[in-house]
Amino acid sequence: MTVDNQPLSFTQAMARVPGPVVVATTVDEHGRRWGFTASSFVSLSLDPPLVMVGLDKRASTHGAFTAADHFMINVLASDQSAIARRFAASGVDRFAAGDTVPLELGLPGIPQALVRLVCRMHDVVDGGDHSILIGGVDDCVGPEHREALVYVDRSFVRPAGPALAVARAR
């Protein structure tokens, strides 16, 4: 058996790696709401509880987030791809559809998100063309257990596979 290995660019290779889909939200000192979609989100530490999310330095939201004391991570469910697309779009009012409401600490949250993590800004680290926002998790809220939205091959997808079928049956 032979394997035909084709060279890939870094972006092509990373597109094949599935990731969770989150919408990060915050409010600036003037009360303006800010949010963005990210798939570069992971748990960083259990003690203390920390998460990290990547934010492009060229994004219109960058200044608001790097100056924020708190932010919220809304982990999206598999039926929330429209929300993910809107918060990833440029030149639109990401909050116009009414999916978000003021929740914990007055942060805009998505009530039906799979999980909401209320974070205080722990650190902002340089990550090349991105800033890595590290949040100390102060609160975790989730309305019910549902399937997570996943981003892979430049598409939002519903997870599939035998292990997930078992998890769905619980």
Protein backbone atom coordinates (compact mmCIF):
# COMPACT_ATOMS: atom_id res chain seq x y z
CA MET A 1 0.00 0.00 0.00
CA THR A 2 1.31 3.43 -0.85
CA VAL A 3 0.27 6.75 0.52
CA ASP A 4 0.27 9.68 -1.85
CA ASN A 5 1.38 12.55 0.35
CA GLN A 6 0.64 15.94 -1.10
CA PRO A 7 2.27 19.09 0.24
CA LEU A 8 -0.18 21.39 1.98
CA SER A 9 -0.01 24.99 2.97
CA PHE A 10 -0.34 25.69 6.67
CA THR A 11 -3.85 27.10 6.16
CA GLN A 12 -4.91 24.02 4.16
CA ALA A 13 -3.56 21.72 6.85
CA MET A 14 -5.24 23.60 9.69
CA ALA A 15 -8.57 23.69 7.81
CA ARG A 16 -8.65 19.90 8.20
CA VAL A 17 -8.42 20.12 11.99
CA PRO A 18 -11.91 20.31 13.54
CA GLY A 19 -12.53 22.88 16.22
CA PRO A 20 -15.36 24.11 18.41
CA VAL A 21 -17.25 27.22 17.35
CA VAL A 22 -17.64 30.02 19.87
CA VAL A 23 -18.89 33.58 19.84
CA ALA A 24 -16.91 35.81 22.19
CA THR A 25 -18.70 38.93 23.42
CA THR A 26 -17.87 41.95 25.53
CA VAL A 27 -18.99 45.50 26.25
CA ASP A 28 -16.63 48.48 26.04
CA GLU A 29 -16.42 51.43 28.44
CA HIS A 30 -19.11 53.26 26.42
CA GLY A 31 -21.56 50.36 26.64
CA ARG A 32 -21.06 49.30 23.02
CA ARG A 33 -21.38 45.56 22.39
CA TRP A 34 -18.66 43.68 20.55
CA GLY A 35 -18.46 40.09 19.37
CA PHE A 36 -16.65 37.71 17.04
CA THR A 37 -16.77 34.07 15.96
CA ALA A 38 -13.75 31.89 16.68
CA SER A 39 -12.77 28.26 16.28
CA SER A 40 -9.39 28.77 17.94
CA PHE A 41 -10.70 28.15 21.45
CA VAL A 42 -9.46 25.69 24.08
CA SER A 43 -9.39 24.96 27.77
CA LEU A 44 -5.99 26.01 29.10
CA SER A 45 -5.92 25.16 32.81
CA LEU A 46 -8.12 23.53 35.44
CA ASP A 47 -6.46 25.14 38.46
CA PRO A 48 -7.13 27.99 38.07
CA PRO A 49 -9.81 27.49 35.40
CA LEU A 50 -8.52 29.26 32.29
CA VAL A 51 -9.55 29.27 28.63
CA MET A 52 -7.96 30.89 25.62
CA VAL A 53 -9.31 32.22 22.35
CA GLY A 54 -7.45 33.69 19.38
CA LEU A 55 -8.40 37.09 17.94
CA ASP A 56 -6.98 38.48 14.70
CA LYS A 57 -5.12 41.72 15.38
CA ARG A 58 -6.72 43.27 12.27
CA ALA A 59 -10.28 42.58 13.50
CA SER A 60 -12.53 45.54 14.26
CA THR A 61 -13.18 43.96 17.67
CA HIS A 62 -9.52 43.71 18.67
CA GLY A 63 -9.21 46.97 20.61
CA ALA A 64 -12.42 46.42 22.57
CA PHE A 65 -11.44 42.91 23.63
CA THR A 66 -7.84 43.64 24.54
CA ALA A 67 -9.04 46.54 26.72
CA ALA A 68 -11.88 44.57 28.34
CA ASP A 69 -11.95 43.49 31.97
CA HIS A 70 -14.46 40.71 31.23
CA PHE A 71 -15.74 38.78 28.25
CA MET A 72 -18.10 35.89 27.60
CA ILE A 73 -17.51 32.77 25.56
CA ASN A 74 -20.70 31.36 24.02
CA VAL A 75 -20.06 27.80 22.83
CA LEU A 76 -22.49 27.28 19.96
CA ALA A 77 -24.78 24.30 19.47
CA SER A 78 -25.08 22.46 16.15
CA ASP A 79 -28.25 24.38 15.20
CA GLN A 80 -26.60 27.81 15.64
CA SER A 81 -24.49 28.09 12.48
CA ALA A 82 -26.42 31.22 11.38
CA ILE A 83 -25.24 32.98 14.54
CA ALA A 84 -21.66 31.87 13.86
CA ARG A 85 -21.80 33.21 10.30
CA ARG A 86 -23.23 36.56 11.38
CA PHE A 87 -20.58 37.12 14.08
CA ALA A 88 -17.90 36.18 11.52
CA ALA A 89 -19.18 38.69 8.94
CA SER A 90 -17.77 42.15 8.36
CA GLY A 91 -19.82 45.29 7.89
CA VAL A 92 -22.99 44.00 9.58
CA ASP A 93 -24.62 44.67 12.93
CA ARG A 94 -23.81 41.36 14.56
CA PHE A 95 -26.32 41.99 17.34
CA ALA A 96 -29.29 43.07 15.16
CA ALA A 97 -30.99 39.65 15.06
CA GLY A 98 -31.66 39.71 18.79
CA ASP A 99 -29.88 36.43 19.57
CA THR A 100 -28.02 38.06 22.44
CA VAL A 101 -29.33 39.57 25.65
CA PRO A 102 -27.52 41.15 28.59
CA LEU A 103 -26.64 38.29 30.91
CA GLU A 104 -23.99 37.80 33.59
CA LEU A 105 -22.16 41.09 34.37
CA GLY A 106 -24.24 42.76 31.66
CA LEU A 107 -22.24 40.95 28.98
CA PRO A 108 -24.13 40.11 25.79
CA GLY A 109 -24.82 36.41 25.88
CA ILE A 110 -26.61 33.85 23.77
CA PRO A 111 -29.16 32.27 26.13
CA GLN A 112 -29.47 29.06 24.09
CA ALA A 113 -25.73 28.54 23.65
CA LEU A 114 -24.47 25.10 24.55
CA VAL A 115 -22.31 26.64 27.29
CA ARG A 116 -21.59 30.21 28.39
CA LEU A 117 -18.33 30.97 30.16
CA VAL A 118 -18.06 34.26 32.01
CA CYS A 119 -14.40 35.25 31.99
CA ARG A 120 -12.27 37.97 33.53
CA MET A 121 -9.32 38.96 31.41
CA HIS A 122 -6.34 37.08 32.81
CA ASP A 123 -3.82 38.00 30.12
CA VAL A 124 -3.39 39.01 26.48
CA VAL A 125 -0.46 37.26 24.81
CA ASP A 126 1.12 38.01 21.43
CA GLY A 127 0.47 35.16 19.02
CA GLY A 128 1.87 36.41 15.72
CA ASP A 129 -0.96 37.93 13.69
CA HIS A 130 -3.39 37.09 16.52
CA SER A 131 -3.72 38.06 20.15
CA ILE A 132 -4.38 35.19 22.53
CA LEU A 133 -7.01 36.22 25.05
CA ILE A 134 -6.68 34.20 28.24
CA GLY A 135 -9.75 34.28 30.42
CA GLY A 136 -10.14 33.23 34.02
CA VAL A 137 -13.48 31.44 34.15
CA ASP A 138 -15.71 32.86 36.89
CA ASP A 139 -18.94 31.11 35.91
CA CYS A 140 -20.14 28.31 33.62
CA VAL A 141 -23.77 28.20 32.50
CA GLY A 142 -25.53 25.81 30.13
CA PRO A 143 -29.26 25.44 29.56
CA GLU A 144 -29.18 21.81 28.44
CA HIS A 145 -26.92 19.22 26.86
CA ARG A 146 -26.95 19.43 23.07
CA GLU A 147 -24.49 18.78 20.28
CA ALA A 148 -21.74 21.30 19.68
CA LEU A 149 -21.19 23.10 16.39
CA VAL A 150 -17.86 22.17 14.78
CA TYR A 151 -15.80 24.00 12.14
CA VAL A 152 -13.79 21.85 9.73
CA ASP A 153 -12.79 22.17 6.06
CA ARG A 154 -14.05 25.78 6.15
CA SER A 155 -17.59 24.64 6.99
CA PHE A 156 -19.82 24.58 10.04
CA VAL A 157 -20.90 20.98 10.63
CA ARG A 158 -22.77 18.78 13.04
CA PRO A 159 -20.52 16.19 14.71
CA ALA A 160 -20.95 12.62 13.50
CA GLY A 161 -19.57 9.22 14.42
CA PRO A 162 -20.19 6.19 16.63
CA ALA A 163 -18.87 7.80 19.82
CA LEU A 164 -21.22 10.74 19.38
CA ALA A 165 -24.18 8.43 18.74
CA VAL A 166 -23.56 6.92 22.18
CA ALA A 167 -23.28 10.38 23.75
CA ARG A 168 -26.52 11.49 22.05
CA ALA A 169 -28.36 8.49 23.52
CA ARG A 170 -27.54 9.52 27.09
